[in-house]
Amino acid sequence: MNETIKEMERYAEANNVPIIERDSINFVNKYIQMNNVKKILELGTAIGYSAILMASASEDVEITTIERDEKRYLEAVKNIKKFNLEDRITLLYKDAFDVNLTEKFDLIFIDAAKAQNTRFFEK
């Protein structure tokens, strides 16, 4: 897993794709474990980096993640397949504002355009 994660980190740096910092994902994963989080909604998949790492927190975690950029979406699909996580990570290619989900989530992880945070909370 480590080498593929490092490949993703190199790709993100080379292609100017923002990804979560290690300290931050470590904090999120501890939160997932300590609070028995099972269902996560992530807004802003990018290349799938944080979704893959959150899925590694527990084998019980299921993630729905939304990405609107086609290039990043396709890269995320490829990365999620590399980790064989297609059964636990559902990736939607849409603008998060156009998605209406009825299921409940234990954690909502907003990793999209920070300027839109208020709108995301309102939705």
PDB file of N, CA and C in Angstrom:
ATOM      1  N   MET A   1       0.824  -1.198   0.000  1.00  0.00           N
ATOM      2  CA  MET A   1       0.000   0.000   0.000  1.00  0.00           C
ATOM      3  C   MET A   1       0.865   1.258   0.000  1.00  0.00           C
ATOM      4  N   ASN A   2       1.947   1.249   0.772  1.00  0.00           N
ATOM      5  CA  ASN A   2       2.770   2.442   0.914  1.00  0.00           C
ATOM      6  C   ASN A   2       3.310   2.975  -0.403  1.00  0.00           C
ATOM      7  N   GLU A   3       3.793   2.096  -1.275  1.00  0.00           N
ATOM      8  CA  GLU A   3       4.374   2.556  -2.539  1.00  0.00           C
ATOM      9  C   GLU A   3       3.301   3.189  -3.436  1.00  0.00           C
ATOM     10  N   THR A   4       2.124   2.599  -3.460  1.00  0.00           N
ATOM     11  CA  THR A   4       1.055   3.165  -4.276  1.00  0.00           C
ATOM     12  C   THR A   4       0.603   4.509  -3.712  1.00  0.00           C
ATOM     13  N   ILE A   5       0.590   4.648  -2.408  1.00  0.00           N
ATOM     14  CA  ILE A   5       0.270   5.939  -1.783  1.00  0.00           C
ATOM     15  C   ILE A   5       1.321   6.966  -2.176  1.00  0.00           C
ATOM     16  N   LYS A   6       2.577   6.566  -2.142  1.00  0.00           N
ATOM     17  CA  LYS A   6       3.659   7.484  -2.531  1.00  0.00           C
ATOM     18  C   LYS A   6       3.527   7.891  -4.007  1.00  0.00           C
ATOM     19  N   GLU A   7       3.108   6.954  -4.850  1.00  0.00           N
ATOM     20  CA  GLU A   7       2.863   7.282  -6.263  1.00  0.00           C
ATOM     21  C   GLU A   7       1.767   8.344  -6.377  1.00  0.00           C
ATOM     22  N   MET A   8       0.711   8.186  -5.589  1.00  0.00           N
ATOM     23  CA  MET A   8      -0.381   9.164  -5.603  1.00  0.00           C
ATOM     24  C   MET A   8       0.113  10.535  -5.136  1.00  0.00           C
ATOM     25  N   GLU A   9       0.962  10.541  -4.109  1.00  0.00           N
ATOM     26  CA  GLU A   9       1.504  11.800  -3.597  1.00  0.00           C
ATOM     27  C   GLU A   9       2.370  12.484  -4.657  1.00  0.00           C
ATOM     28  N   ARG A  10       3.185  11.702  -5.366  1.00  0.00           N
ATOM     29  CA  ARG A  10       4.021  12.266  -6.433  1.00  0.00           C
ATOM     30  C   ARG A  10       3.148  12.814  -7.573  1.00  0.00           C
ATOM     31  N   TYR A  11       2.102  12.055  -7.928  1.00  0.00           N
ATOM     32  CA  TYR A  11       1.178  12.502  -8.977  1.00  0.00           C
ATOM     33  C   TYR A  11       0.527  13.830  -8.569  1.00  0.00           C
ATOM     34  N   ALA A  12       0.058  13.903  -7.331  1.00  0.00           N
ATOM     35  CA  ALA A  12      -0.607  15.115  -6.843  1.00  0.00           C
ATOM     36  C   ALA A  12       0.340  16.304  -6.913  1.00  0.00           C
ATOM     37  N   GLU A  13       1.564  16.110  -6.490  1.00  0.00           N
ATOM     38  CA  GLU A  13       2.528  17.213  -6.520  1.00  0.00           C
ATOM     39  C   GLU A  13       2.841  17.633  -7.953  1.00  0.00           C
ATOM     40  N   ALA A  14       3.071  16.670  -8.822  1.00  0.00           N
ATOM     41  CA  ALA A  14       3.423  16.970 -10.215  1.00  0.00           C
ATOM     42  C   ALA A  14       2.275  17.626 -10.978  1.00  0.00           C
ATOM     43  N   ASN A  15       1.041  17.329 -10.577  1.00  0.00           N
ATOM     44  CA  ASN A  15      -0.130  17.828 -11.304  1.00  0.00           C
ATOM     45  C   ASN A  15      -0.907  18.899 -10.547  1.00  0.00           C
ATOM     46  N   ASN A  16      -0.294  19.409  -9.484  1.00  0.00           N
ATOM     47  CA  ASN A  16      -0.929  20.490  -8.714  1.00  0.00           C
ATOM     48  C   ASN A  16      -2.294  20.115  -8.168  1.00  0.00           C
ATOM     49  N   VAL A  17      -2.436  18.883  -7.693  1.00  0.00           N
ATOM     50  CA  VAL A  17      -3.694  18.419  -7.104  1.00  0.00           C
ATOM     51  C   VAL A  17      -3.552  18.509  -5.586  1.00  0.00           C
ATOM     52  N   PRO A  18      -4.390  19.306  -4.945  1.00  0.00           N
ATOM     53  CA  PRO A  18      -4.292  19.393  -3.482  1.00  0.00           C
ATOM     54  C   PRO A  18      -4.778  18.096  -2.829  1.00  0.00           C
ATOM     55  N   ILE A  19      -3.975  17.589  -1.901  1.00  0.00           N
ATOM     56  CA  ILE A  19      -4.363  16.401  -1.126  1.00  0.00           C
ATOM     57  C   ILE A  19      -4.176  16.716   0.350  1.00  0.00           C
ATOM     58  N   ILE A  20      -4.868  15.968   1.172  1.00  0.00           N
ATOM     59  CA  ILE A  20      -4.824  16.175   2.614  1.00  0.00           C
ATOM     60  C   ILE A  20      -3.424  15.877   3.155  1.00  0.00           C
ATOM     61  N   GLU A  21      -3.024  16.636   4.150  1.00  0.00           N
ATOM     62  CA  GLU A  21      -1.723  16.418   4.777  1.00  0.00           C
ATOM     63  C   GLU A  21      -1.785  15.188   5.678  1.00  0.00           C
ATOM     64  N   ARG A  22      -0.642  14.557   5.863  1.00  0.00           N
ATOM     65  CA  ARG A  22      -0.565  13.315   6.655  1.00  0.00           C
ATOM     66  C   ARG A  22      -1.095  13.490   8.073  1.00  0.00           C
ATOM     67  N   ASP A  23      -0.712  14.577   8.755  1.00  0.00           N
ATOM     68  CA  ASP A  23      -1.197  14.805  10.124  1.00  0.00           C
ATOM     69  C   ASP A  23      -2.718  14.906  10.157  1.00  0.00           C
ATOM     70  N   SER A  24      -3.283  15.551   9.161  1.00  0.00           N
ATOM     71  CA  SER A  24      -4.734  15.730   9.112  1.00  0.00           C
ATOM     72  C   SER A  24      -5.447  14.400   8.895  1.00  0.00           C
ATOM     73  N   ILE A  25      -4.961  13.584   7.951  1.00  0.00           N
ATOM     74  CA  ILE A  25      -5.619  12.296   7.701  1.00  0.00           C
ATOM     75  C   ILE A  25      -5.425  11.362   8.896  1.00  0.00           C
ATOM     76  N   ASN A  26      -4.299  11.465   9.574  1.00  0.00           N
ATOM     77  CA  ASN A  26      -4.107  10.656  10.787  1.00  0.00           C
ATOM     78  C   ASN A  26      -5.143  11.027  11.845  1.00  0.00           C
ATOM     79  N   PHE A  27      -5.413  12.335  11.993  1.00  0.00           N
ATOM     80  CA  PHE A  27      -6.437  12.802  12.931  1.00  0.00           C
ATOM     81  C   PHE A  27      -7.811  12.276  12.529  1.00  0.00           C
ATOM     82  N   VAL A  28      -8.162  12.405  11.251  1.00  0.00           N
ATOM     83  CA  VAL A  28      -9.462  11.939  10.766  1.00  0.00           C
ATOM     84  C   VAL A  28      -9.608  10.438  10.994  1.00  0.00           C
ATOM     85  N   ASN A  29      -8.569   9.677  10.696  1.00  0.00           N
ATOM     86  CA  ASN A  29      -8.650   8.220  10.879  1.00  0.00           C
ATOM     87  C   ASN A  29      -8.802   7.833  12.343  1.00  0.00           C
ATOM     88  N   LYS A  30      -8.141   8.553  13.241  1.00  0.00           N
ATOM     89  CA  LYS A  30      -8.331   8.287  14.677  1.00  0.00           C
ATOM     90  C   LYS A  30      -9.774   8.591  15.073  1.00  0.00           C
ATOM     91  N   TYR A  31     -10.317   9.673  14.545  1.00  0.00           N
ATOM     92  CA  TYR A  31     -11.711  10.027  14.813  1.00  0.00           C
ATOM     93  C   TYR A  31     -12.636   8.916  14.317  1.00  0.00           C
ATOM     94  N   ILE A  32     -12.395   8.419  13.122  1.00  0.00           N
ATOM     95  CA  ILE A  32     -13.196   7.329  12.549  1.00  0.00           C
ATOM     96  C   ILE A  32     -13.173   6.119  13.476  1.00  0.00           C
ATOM     97  N   GLN A  33     -11.996   5.758  13.930  1.00  0.00           N
ATOM     98  CA  GLN A  33     -11.856   4.579  14.792  1.00  0.00           C
ATOM     99  C   GLN A  33     -12.479   4.797  16.170  1.00  0.00           C
ATOM    100  N   MET A  34     -12.226   5.945  16.767  1.00  0.00           N
ATOM    101  CA  MET A  34     -12.722   6.207  18.122  1.00  0.00           C
ATOM    102  C   MET A  34     -14.233   6.367  18.173  1.00  0.00           C
ATOM    103  N   ASN A  35     -14.845   6.793  17.068  1.00  0.00           N
ATOM    104  CA  ASN A  35     -16.286   7.055  17.045  1.00  0.00           C
ATOM    105  C   ASN A  35     -17.067   6.024  16.252  1.00  0.00           C
ATOM    106  N   ASN A  36     -16.400   4.926  15.909  1.00  0.00           N
ATOM    107  CA  ASN A  36     -17.049   3.824  15.207  1.00  0.00           C
ATOM    108  C   ASN A  36     -17.796   4.294  13.953  1.00  0.00           C
ATOM    109  N   VAL A  37     -17.150   5.170  13.192  1.00  0.00           N
ATOM    110  CA  VAL A  37     -17.736   5.708  11.962  1.00  0.00           C
ATOM    111  C   VAL A  37     -17.805   4.597  10.919  1.00  0.00           C
ATOM    112  N   LYS A  38     -18.960   4.461  10.300  1.00  0.00           N
ATOM    113  CA  LYS A  38     -19.166   3.416   9.275  1.00  0.00           C
ATOM    114  C   LYS A  38     -19.430   4.006   7.900  1.00  0.00           C
ATOM    115  N   LYS A  39     -20.187   5.108   7.844  1.00  0.00           N
ATOM    116  CA  LYS A  39     -20.573   5.695   6.549  1.00  0.00           C
ATOM    117  C   LYS A  39     -20.070   7.134   6.467  1.00  0.00           C
ATOM    118  N   ILE A  40     -19.313   7.396   5.395  1.00  0.00           N
ATOM    119  CA  ILE A  40     -18.710   8.709   5.210  1.00  0.00           C
ATOM    120  C   ILE A  40     -19.156   9.279   3.866  1.00  0.00           C
ATOM    121  N   LEU A  41     -19.472  10.566   3.879  1.00  0.00           N
ATOM    122  CA  LEU A  41     -19.701  11.312   2.650  1.00  0.00           C
ATOM    123  C   LEU A  41     -18.533  12.272   2.498  1.00  0.00           C
ATOM    124  N   GLU A  42     -17.866  12.200   1.358  1.00  0.00           N
ATOM    125  CA  GLU A  42     -16.755  13.108   1.075  1.00  0.00           C
ATOM    126  C   GLU A  42     -17.134  13.989  -0.109  1.00  0.00           C
ATOM    127  N   LEU A  43     -16.994  15.288   0.060  1.00  0.00           N
ATOM    128  CA  LEU A  43     -17.236  16.234  -1.026  1.00  0.00           C
ATOM    129  C   LEU A  43     -15.876  16.685  -1.537  1.00  0.00           C
ATOM    130  N   GLY A  44     -15.560  16.309  -2.765  1.00  0.00           N
ATOM    131  CA  GLY A  44     -14.270  16.644  -3.347  1.00  0.00           C
ATOM    132  C   GLY A  44     -13.321  15.460  -3.281  1.00  0.00           C
ATOM    133  N   THR A  45     -13.403  14.571  -4.238  1.00  0.00           N
ATOM    134  CA  THR A  45     -12.593  13.357  -4.263  1.00  0.00           C
ATOM    135  C   THR A  45     -11.160  13.628  -4.681  1.00  0.00           C
ATOM    136  N   ALA A  46     -10.990  14.552  -5.616  1.00  0.00           N
ATOM    137  CA  ALA A  46      -9.698  14.767  -6.294  1.00  0.00           C
ATOM    138  C   ALA A  46      -9.250  13.432  -6.885  1.00  0.00           C
ATOM    139  N   ILE A  47      -8.102  12.905  -6.454  1.00  0.00           N
ATOM    140  CA  ILE A  47      -7.584  11.664  -7.043  1.00  0.00           C
ATOM    141  C   ILE A  47      -7.882  10.436  -6.179  1.00  0.00           C
ATOM    142  N   GLY A  48      -8.717  10.618  -5.150  1.00  0.00           N
ATOM    143  CA  GLY A  48      -9.110   9.495  -4.302  1.00  0.00           C
ATOM    144  C   GLY A  48      -8.218   9.262  -3.097  1.00  0.00           C
ATOM    145  N   TYR A  49      -7.233  10.098  -2.918  1.00  0.00           N
ATOM    146  CA  TYR A  49      -6.230   9.935  -1.858  1.00  0.00           C
ATOM    147  C   TYR A  49      -6.853   9.843  -0.467  1.00  0.00           C
ATOM    148  N   SER A  50      -7.639  10.848  -0.075  1.00  0.00           N
ATOM    149  CA  SER A  50      -8.201  10.843   1.284  1.00  0.00           C
ATOM    150  C   SER A  50      -9.242   9.742   1.454  1.00  0.00           C
ATOM    151  N   ALA A  51     -10.027   9.458   0.416  1.00  0.00           N
ATOM    152  CA  ALA A  51     -11.019   8.376   0.521  1.00  0.00           C
ATOM    153  C   ALA A  51     -10.323   7.037   0.755  1.00  0.00           C
ATOM    154  N   ILE A  52      -9.255   6.798   0.017  1.00  0.00           N
ATOM    155  CA  ILE A  52      -8.510   5.543   0.176  1.00  0.00           C
ATOM    156  C   ILE A  52      -7.925   5.451   1.582  1.00  0.00           C
ATOM    157  N   LEU A  53      -7.354   6.539   2.059  1.00  0.00           N
ATOM    158  CA  LEU A  53      -6.772   6.510   3.404  1.00  0.00           C
ATOM    159  C   LEU A  53      -7.836   6.390   4.489  1.00  0.00           C
ATOM    160  N   MET A  54      -8.996   7.043   4.304  1.00  0.00           N
ATOM    161  CA  MET A  54     -10.078   6.885   5.288  1.00  0.00           C
ATOM    162  C   MET A  54     -10.599   5.449   5.287  1.00  0.00           C
ATOM    163  N   ALA A  55     -10.665   4.833   4.121  1.00  0.00           N
ATOM    164  CA  ALA A  55     -11.108   3.436   4.043  1.00  0.00           C
ATOM    165  C   ALA A  55     -10.139   2.521   4.778  1.00  0.00           C
ATOM    166  N   SER A  56      -8.880   2.936   4.864  1.00  0.00           N
ATOM    167  CA  SER A  56      -7.886   2.111   5.560  1.00  0.00           C
ATOM    168  C   SER A  56      -8.033   2.183   7.082  1.00  0.00           C
ATOM    169  N   ALA A  57      -8.838   3.121   7.586  1.00  0.00           N
ATOM    170  CA  ALA A  57      -9.026   3.262   9.032  1.00  0.00           C
ATOM    171  C   ALA A  57      -9.746   2.054   9.619  1.00  0.00           C
ATOM    172  N   SER A  58     -10.649   1.463   8.839  1.00  0.00           N
ATOM    173  CA  SER A  58     -11.415   0.310   9.299  1.00  0.00           C
ATOM    174  C   SER A  58     -12.023  -0.394   8.090  1.00  0.00           C
ATOM    175  N   GLU A  59     -12.066  -1.701   8.138  1.00  0.00           N
ATOM    176  CA  GLU A  59     -12.657  -2.450   7.022  1.00  0.00           C
ATOM    177  C   GLU A  59     -14.175  -2.302   6.964  1.00  0.00           C
ATOM    178  N   ASP A  60     -14.767  -1.706   7.995  1.00  0.00           N
ATOM    179  CA  ASP A  60     -16.212  -1.485   8.038  1.00  0.00           C
ATOM    180  C   ASP A  60     -16.628  -0.165   7.388  1.00  0.00           C
ATOM    181  N   VAL A  61     -15.676   0.683   7.049  1.00  0.00           N
ATOM    182  CA  VAL A  61     -15.977   2.004   6.519  1.00  0.00           C
ATOM    183  C   VAL A  61     -16.425   1.910   5.060  1.00  0.00           C
ATOM    184  N   GLU A  62     -17.536   2.602   4.771  1.00  0.00           N
ATOM    185  CA  GLU A  62     -18.015   2.756   3.399  1.00  0.00           C
ATOM    186  C   GLU A  62     -18.065   4.239   3.100  1.00  0.00           C
ATOM    187  N   ILE A  63     -17.588   4.620   1.918  1.00  0.00           N
ATOM    188  CA  ILE A  63     -17.472   6.030   1.571  1.00  0.00           C
ATOM    189  C   ILE A  63     -18.206   6.311   0.265  1.00  0.00           C
ATOM    190  N   THR A  64     -18.984   7.378   0.277  1.00  0.00           N
ATOM    191  CA  THR A  64     -19.536   7.940  -0.946  1.00  0.00           C
ATOM    192  C   THR A  64     -18.785   9.239  -1.154  1.00  0.00           C
ATOM    193  N   THR A  65     -18.153   9.386  -2.307  1.00  0.00           N
ATOM    194  CA  THR A  65     -17.345  10.563  -2.567  1.00  0.00           C
ATOM    195  C   THR A  65     -17.731  11.169  -3.911  1.00  0.00           C
ATOM    196  N   ILE A  66     -17.730  12.490  -3.970  1.00  0.00           N
ATOM    197  CA  ILE A  66     -18.242  13.207  -5.137  1.00  0.00           C
ATOM    198  C   ILE A  66     -17.147  14.098  -5.720  1.00  0.00           C
ATOM    199  N   GLU A  67     -16.950  13.981  -7.035  1.00  0.00           N
ATOM    200  CA  GLU A  67     -15.965  14.807  -7.742  1.00  0.00           C
ATOM    201  C   GLU A  67     -16.570  15.343  -9.025  1.00  0.00           C
ATOM    202  N   ARG A  68     -16.347  16.622  -9.307  1.00  0.00           N
ATOM    203  CA  ARG A  68     -16.927  17.223 -10.510  1.00  0.00           C
ATOM    204  C   ARG A  68     -15.927  17.411 -11.648  1.00  0.00           C
ATOM    205  N   ASP A  69     -14.634  17.285 -11.356  1.00  0.00           N
ATOM    206  CA  ASP A  69     -13.611  17.448 -12.376  1.00  0.00           C
ATOM    207  C   ASP A  69     -13.343  16.097 -13.043  1.00  0.00           C
ATOM    208  N   GLU A  70     -13.541  16.018 -14.362  1.00  0.00           N
ATOM    209  CA  GLU A  70     -13.457  14.736 -15.064  1.00  0.00           C
ATOM    210  C   GLU A  70     -12.071  14.095 -14.971  1.00  0.00           C
ATOM    211  N   LYS A  71     -11.025  14.879 -15.155  1.00  0.00           N
ATOM    212  CA  LYS A  71      -9.662  14.321 -15.105  1.00  0.00           C
ATOM    213  C   LYS A  71      -9.368  13.734 -13.720  1.00  0.00           C
ATOM    214  N   ARG A  72      -9.737  14.466 -12.685  1.00  0.00           N
ATOM    215  CA  ARG A  72      -9.502  13.973 -11.318  1.00  0.00           C
ATOM    216  C   ARG A  72     -10.381  12.764 -11.021  1.00  0.00           C
ATOM    217  N   TYR A  73     -11.617  12.816 -11.479  1.00  0.00           N
ATOM    218  CA  TYR A  73     -12.528  11.684 -11.293  1.00  0.00           C
ATOM    219  C   TYR A  73     -11.934  10.409 -11.899  1.00  0.00           C
ATOM    220  N   LEU A  74     -11.460  10.506 -13.141  1.00  0.00           N
ATOM    221  CA  LEU A  74     -10.899   9.329 -13.818  1.00  0.00           C
ATOM    222  C   LEU A  74      -9.646   8.817 -13.108  1.00  0.00           C
ATOM    223  N   GLU A  75      -8.836   9.721 -12.592  1.00  0.00           N
ATOM    224  CA  GLU A  75      -7.647   9.324 -11.830  1.00  0.00           C
ATOM    225  C   GLU A  75      -8.068   8.639 -10.532  1.00  0.00           C
ATOM    226  N   ALA A  76      -9.111   9.147  -9.886  1.00  0.00           N
ATOM    227  CA  ALA A  76      -9.613   8.536  -8.652  1.00  0.00           C
ATOM    228  C   ALA A  76     -10.145   7.132  -8.915  1.00  0.00           C
ATOM    229  N   VAL A  77     -10.884   6.961 -10.006  1.00  0.00           N
ATOM    230  CA  VAL A  77     -11.398   5.630 -10.360  1.00  0.00           C
ATOM    231  C   VAL A  77     -10.236   4.647 -10.479  1.00  0.00           C
ATOM    232  N   LYS A  78      -9.199   5.069 -11.185  1.00  0.00           N
ATOM    233  CA  LYS A  78      -8.014   4.220 -11.378  1.00  0.00           C
ATOM    234  C   LYS A  78      -7.364   3.873 -10.028  1.00  0.00           C
ATOM    235  N   ASN A  79      -7.213   4.871  -9.166  1.00  0.00           N
ATOM    236  CA  ASN A  79      -6.563   4.648  -7.876  1.00  0.00           C
ATOM    237  C   ASN A  79      -7.390   3.759  -6.957  1.00  0.00           C
ATOM    238  N   ILE A  80      -8.685   3.961  -6.936  1.00  0.00           N
ATOM    239  CA  ILE A  80      -9.557   3.141  -6.090  1.00  0.00           C
ATOM    240  C   ILE A  80      -9.504   1.682  -6.541  1.00  0.00           C
ATOM    241  N   LYS A  81      -9.429   1.456  -7.848  1.00  0.00           N
ATOM    242  CA  LYS A  81      -9.293   0.088  -8.371  1.00  0.00           C
ATOM    243  C   LYS A  81      -7.966  -0.535  -7.974  1.00  0.00           C
ATOM    244  N   LYS A  82      -6.892   0.269  -7.986  1.00  0.00           N
ATOM    245  CA  LYS A  82      -5.567  -0.246  -7.585  1.00  0.00           C
ATOM    246  C   LYS A  82      -5.605  -0.814  -6.174  1.00  0.00           C
ATOM    247  N   PHE A  83      -6.428  -0.214  -5.324  1.00  0.00           N
ATOM    248  CA  PHE A  83      -6.528  -0.653  -3.931  1.00  0.00           C
ATOM    249  C   PHE A  83      -7.664  -1.645  -3.711  1.00  0.00           C
ATOM    250  N   ASN A  84      -8.338  -2.037  -4.787  1.00  0.00           N
ATOM    251  CA  ASN A  84      -9.467  -2.969  -4.703  1.00  0.00           C
ATOM    252  C   ASN A  84     -10.534  -2.488  -3.712  1.00  0.00           C
ATOM    253  N   LEU A  85     -10.855  -1.215  -3.786  1.00  0.00           N
ATOM    254  CA  LEU A  85     -11.825  -0.633  -2.848  1.00  0.00           C
ATOM    255  C   LEU A  85     -13.141  -0.251  -3.520  1.00  0.00           C
ATOM    256  N   GLU A  86     -13.384  -0.748  -4.736  1.00  0.00           N
ATOM    257  CA  GLU A  86     -14.613  -0.401  -5.450  1.00  0.00           C
ATOM    258  C   GLU A  86     -15.867  -0.823  -4.692  1.00  0.00           C
ATOM    259  N   ASP A  87     -15.749  -1.833  -3.838  1.00  0.00           N
ATOM    260  CA  ASP A  87     -16.910  -2.299  -3.076  1.00  0.00           C
ATOM    261  C   ASP A  87     -17.176  -1.440  -1.833  1.00  0.00           C
ATOM    262  N   ARG A  88     -16.214  -0.598  -1.438  1.00  0.00           N
ATOM    263  CA  ARG A  88     -16.406   0.229  -0.239  1.00  0.00           C
ATOM    264  C   ARG A  88     -16.374   1.722  -0.516  1.00  0.00           C
ATOM    265  N   ILE A  89     -15.894   2.112  -1.702  1.00  0.00           N
ATOM    266  CA  ILE A  89     -15.869   3.522  -2.071  1.00  0.00           C
ATOM    267  C   ILE A  89     -16.720   3.706  -3.322  1.00  0.00           C
ATOM    268  N   THR A  90     -17.808   4.450  -3.163  1.00  0.00           N
ATOM    269  CA  THR A  90     -18.689   4.786  -4.281  1.00  0.00           C
ATOM    270  C   THR A  90     -18.313   6.174  -4.754  1.00  0.00           C
ATOM    271  N   LEU A  91     -17.898   6.263  -6.003  1.00  0.00           N
ATOM    272  CA  LEU A  91     -17.433   7.521  -6.564  1.00  0.00           C
ATOM    273  C   LEU A  91     -18.467   8.068  -7.537  1.00  0.00           C
ATOM    274  N   LEU A  92     -18.920   9.297  -7.279  1.00  0.00           N
ATOM    275  CA  LEU A  92     -19.914   9.944  -8.136  1.00  0.00           C
ATOM    276  C   LEU A  92     -19.261  11.071  -8.918  1.00  0.00           C
ATOM    277  N   TYR A  93     -19.487  11.089 -10.225  1.00  0.00           N
ATOM    278  CA  TYR A  93     -18.971  12.155 -11.083  1.00  0.00           C
ATOM    279  C   TYR A  93     -20.077  13.178 -11.296  1.00  0.00           C
ATOM    280  N   LYS A  94     -20.107  14.174 -10.409  1.00  0.00           N
ATOM    281  CA  LYS A  94     -21.143  15.210 -10.437  1.00  0.00           C
ATOM    282  C   LYS A  94     -20.660  16.396  -9.627  1.00  0.00           C
ATOM    283  N   ASP A  95     -21.372  17.473  -9.754  1.00  0.00           N
ATOM    284  CA  ASP A  95     -21.173  18.606  -8.863  1.00  0.00           C
ATOM    285  C   ASP A  95     -21.946  18.278  -7.583  1.00  0.00           C
ATOM    286  N   ALA A  96     -21.322  18.441  -6.451  1.00  0.00           N
ATOM    287  CA  ALA A  96     -21.961  18.076  -5.177  1.00  0.00           C
ATOM    288  C   ALA A  96     -23.284  18.807  -4.970  1.00  0.00           C
ATOM    289  N   PHE A  97     -23.419  20.009  -5.528  1.00  0.00           N
ATOM    290  CA  PHE A  97     -24.667  20.751  -5.380  1.00  0.00           C
ATOM    291  C   PHE A  97     -25.807  20.134  -6.180  1.00  0.00           C
ATOM    292  N   ASP A  98     -25.475  19.257  -7.128  1.00  0.00           N
ATOM    293  CA  ASP A  98     -26.493  18.602  -7.950  1.00  0.00           C
ATOM    294  C   ASP A  98     -26.840  17.204  -7.462  1.00  0.00           C
ATOM    295  N   VAL A  99     -26.247  16.783  -6.362  1.00  0.00           N
ATOM    296  CA  VAL A  99     -26.481  15.439  -5.820  1.00  0.00           C
ATOM    297  C   VAL A  99     -27.447  15.533  -4.646  1.00  0.00           C
ATOM    298  N   ASN A 100     -28.460  14.688  -4.669  1.00  0.00           N
ATOM    299  CA  ASN A 100     -29.403  14.615  -3.551  1.00  0.00           C
ATOM    300  C   ASN A 100     -29.374  13.201  -2.996  1.00  0.00           C
ATOM    301  N   LEU A 101     -28.776  13.063  -1.847  1.00  0.00           N
ATOM    302  CA  LEU A 101     -28.665  11.756  -1.200  1.00  0.00           C
ATOM    303  C   LEU A 101     -29.660  11.681  -0.053  1.00  0.00           C
ATOM    304  N   THR A 102     -30.281  10.527   0.113  1.00  0.00           N
ATOM    305  CA  THR A 102     -31.255  10.368   1.198  1.00  0.00           C
ATOM    306  C   THR A 102     -30.687   9.579   2.368  1.00  0.00           C
ATOM    307  N   GLU A 103     -29.563   8.901   2.140  1.00  0.00           N
ATOM    308  CA  GLU A 103     -29.007   8.096   3.228  1.00  0.00           C
ATOM    309  C   GLU A 103     -28.351   8.973   4.278  1.00  0.00           C
ATOM    310  N   LYS A 104     -28.132   8.398   5.440  1.00  0.00           N
ATOM    311  CA  LYS A 104     -27.508   9.122   6.543  1.00  0.00           C
ATOM    312  C   LYS A 104     -26.031   8.739   6.612  1.00  0.00           C
ATOM    313  N   PHE A 105     -25.219   9.700   7.042  1.00  0.00           N
ATOM    314  CA  PHE A 105     -23.784   9.490   7.146  1.00  0.00           C
ATOM    315  C   PHE A 105     -23.325   9.795   8.563  1.00  0.00           C
ATOM    316  N   ASP A 106     -22.311   9.059   9.007  1.00  0.00           N
ATOM    317  CA  ASP A 106     -21.727   9.286  10.329  1.00  0.00           C
ATOM    318  C   ASP A 106     -20.741  10.452  10.303  1.00  0.00           C
ATOM    319  N   LEU A 107     -20.185  10.702   9.121  1.00  0.00           N
ATOM    320  CA  LEU A 107     -19.172  11.742   8.972  1.00  0.00           C
ATOM    321  C   LEU A 107     -19.297  12.350   7.580  1.00  0.00           C
ATOM    322  N   ILE A 108     -19.284  13.670   7.518  1.00  0.00           N
ATOM    323  CA  ILE A 108     -19.231  14.362   6.232  1.00  0.00           C
ATOM    324  C   ILE A 108     -17.903  15.092   6.192  1.00  0.00           C
ATOM    325  N   PHE A 109     -17.098  14.735   5.201  1.00  0.00           N
ATOM    326  CA  PHE A 109     -15.756  15.282   5.040  1.00  0.00           C
ATOM    327  C   PHE A 109     -15.763  16.212   3.829  1.00  0.00           C
ATOM    328  N   ILE A 110     -15.671  17.512   4.090  1.00  0.00           N
ATOM    329  CA  ILE A 110     -15.716  18.496   3.010  1.00  0.00           C
ATOM    330  C   ILE A 110     -14.282  18.832   2.609  1.00  0.00           C
ATOM    331  N   ASP A 111     -13.920  18.346   1.430  1.00  0.00           N
ATOM    332  CA  ASP A 111     -12.570  18.556   0.916  1.00  0.00           C
ATOM    333  C   ASP A 111     -12.659  19.193  -0.467  1.00  0.00           C
ATOM    334  N   ALA A 112     -13.660  20.037  -0.647  1.00  0.00           N
ATOM    335  CA  ALA A 112     -13.886  20.709  -1.925  1.00  0.00           C
ATOM    336  C   ALA A 112     -13.510  22.180  -1.777  1.00  0.00           C
ATOM    337  N   ALA A 113     -13.926  22.978  -2.715  1.00  0.00           N
ATOM    338  CA  ALA A 113     -13.605  24.407  -2.711  1.00  0.00           C
ATOM    339  C   ALA A 113     -14.009  25.046  -1.383  1.00  0.00           C
ATOM    340  N   LYS A 114     -13.028  25.515  -0.645  1.00  0.00           N
ATOM    341  CA  LYS A 114     -13.277  26.063   0.695  1.00  0.00           C
ATOM    342  C   LYS A 114     -14.228  27.263   0.657  1.00  0.00           C
ATOM    343  N   ALA A 115     -14.220  28.007  -0.427  1.00  0.00           N
ATOM    344  CA  ALA A 115     -15.101  29.175  -0.550  1.00  0.00           C
ATOM    345  C   ALA A 115     -16.573  28.766  -0.584  1.00  0.00           C
ATOM    346  N   GLN A 116     -16.835  27.487  -0.830  1.00  0.00           N
ATOM    347  CA  GLN A 116     -18.214  26.998  -0.921  1.00  0.00           C
ATOM    348  C   GLN A 116     -18.684  26.323   0.373  1.00  0.00           C
ATOM    349  N   ASN A 117     -17.864  26.312   1.415  1.00  0.00           N
ATOM    350  CA  ASN A 117     -18.217  25.589   2.640  1.00  0.00           C
ATOM    351  C   ASN A 117     -19.587  25.967   3.192  1.00  0.00           C
ATOM    352  N   THR A 118     -19.907  27.250   3.228  1.00  0.00           N
ATOM    353  CA  THR A 118     -21.207  27.675   3.756  1.00  0.00           C
ATOM    354  C   THR A 118     -22.328  27.073   2.933  1.00  0.00           C
ATOM    355  N   ARG A 119     -22.199  27.097   1.618  1.00  0.00           N
ATOM    356  CA  ARG A 119     -23.231  26.516   0.749  1.00  0.00           C
ATOM    357  C   ARG A 119     -23.351  25.008   0.974  1.00  0.00           C
ATOM    358  N   PHE A 120     -22.202  24.335   1.173  1.00  0.00           N
ATOM    359  CA  PHE A 120     -22.245  22.897   1.439  1.00  0.00           C
ATOM    360  C   PHE A 120     -23.000  22.609   2.737  1.00  0.00           C
ATOM    361  N   PHE A 121     -22.731  23.384   3.786  1.00  0.00           N
ATOM    362  CA  PHE A 121     -23.424  23.194   5.055  1.00  0.00           C
ATOM    363  C   PHE A 121     -24.912  23.434   4.903  1.00  0.00           C
ATOM    364  N   GLU A 122     -25.285  24.446   4.151  1.00  0.00           N
ATOM    365  CA  GLU A 122     -26.705  24.735   3.945  1.00  0.00           C
ATOM    366  C   GLU A 122     -27.412  23.598   3.214  1.00  0.00           C
ATOM    367  N   LYS A 123     -26.739  22.972   2.257  1.00  0.00           N
ATOM    368  CA  LYS A 123     -27.336  21.870   1.512  1.00  0.00           C
ATOM    369  C   LYS A 123     -27.428  20.654   2.406  1.00  0.00           C
TER     370      LYS A 123
END
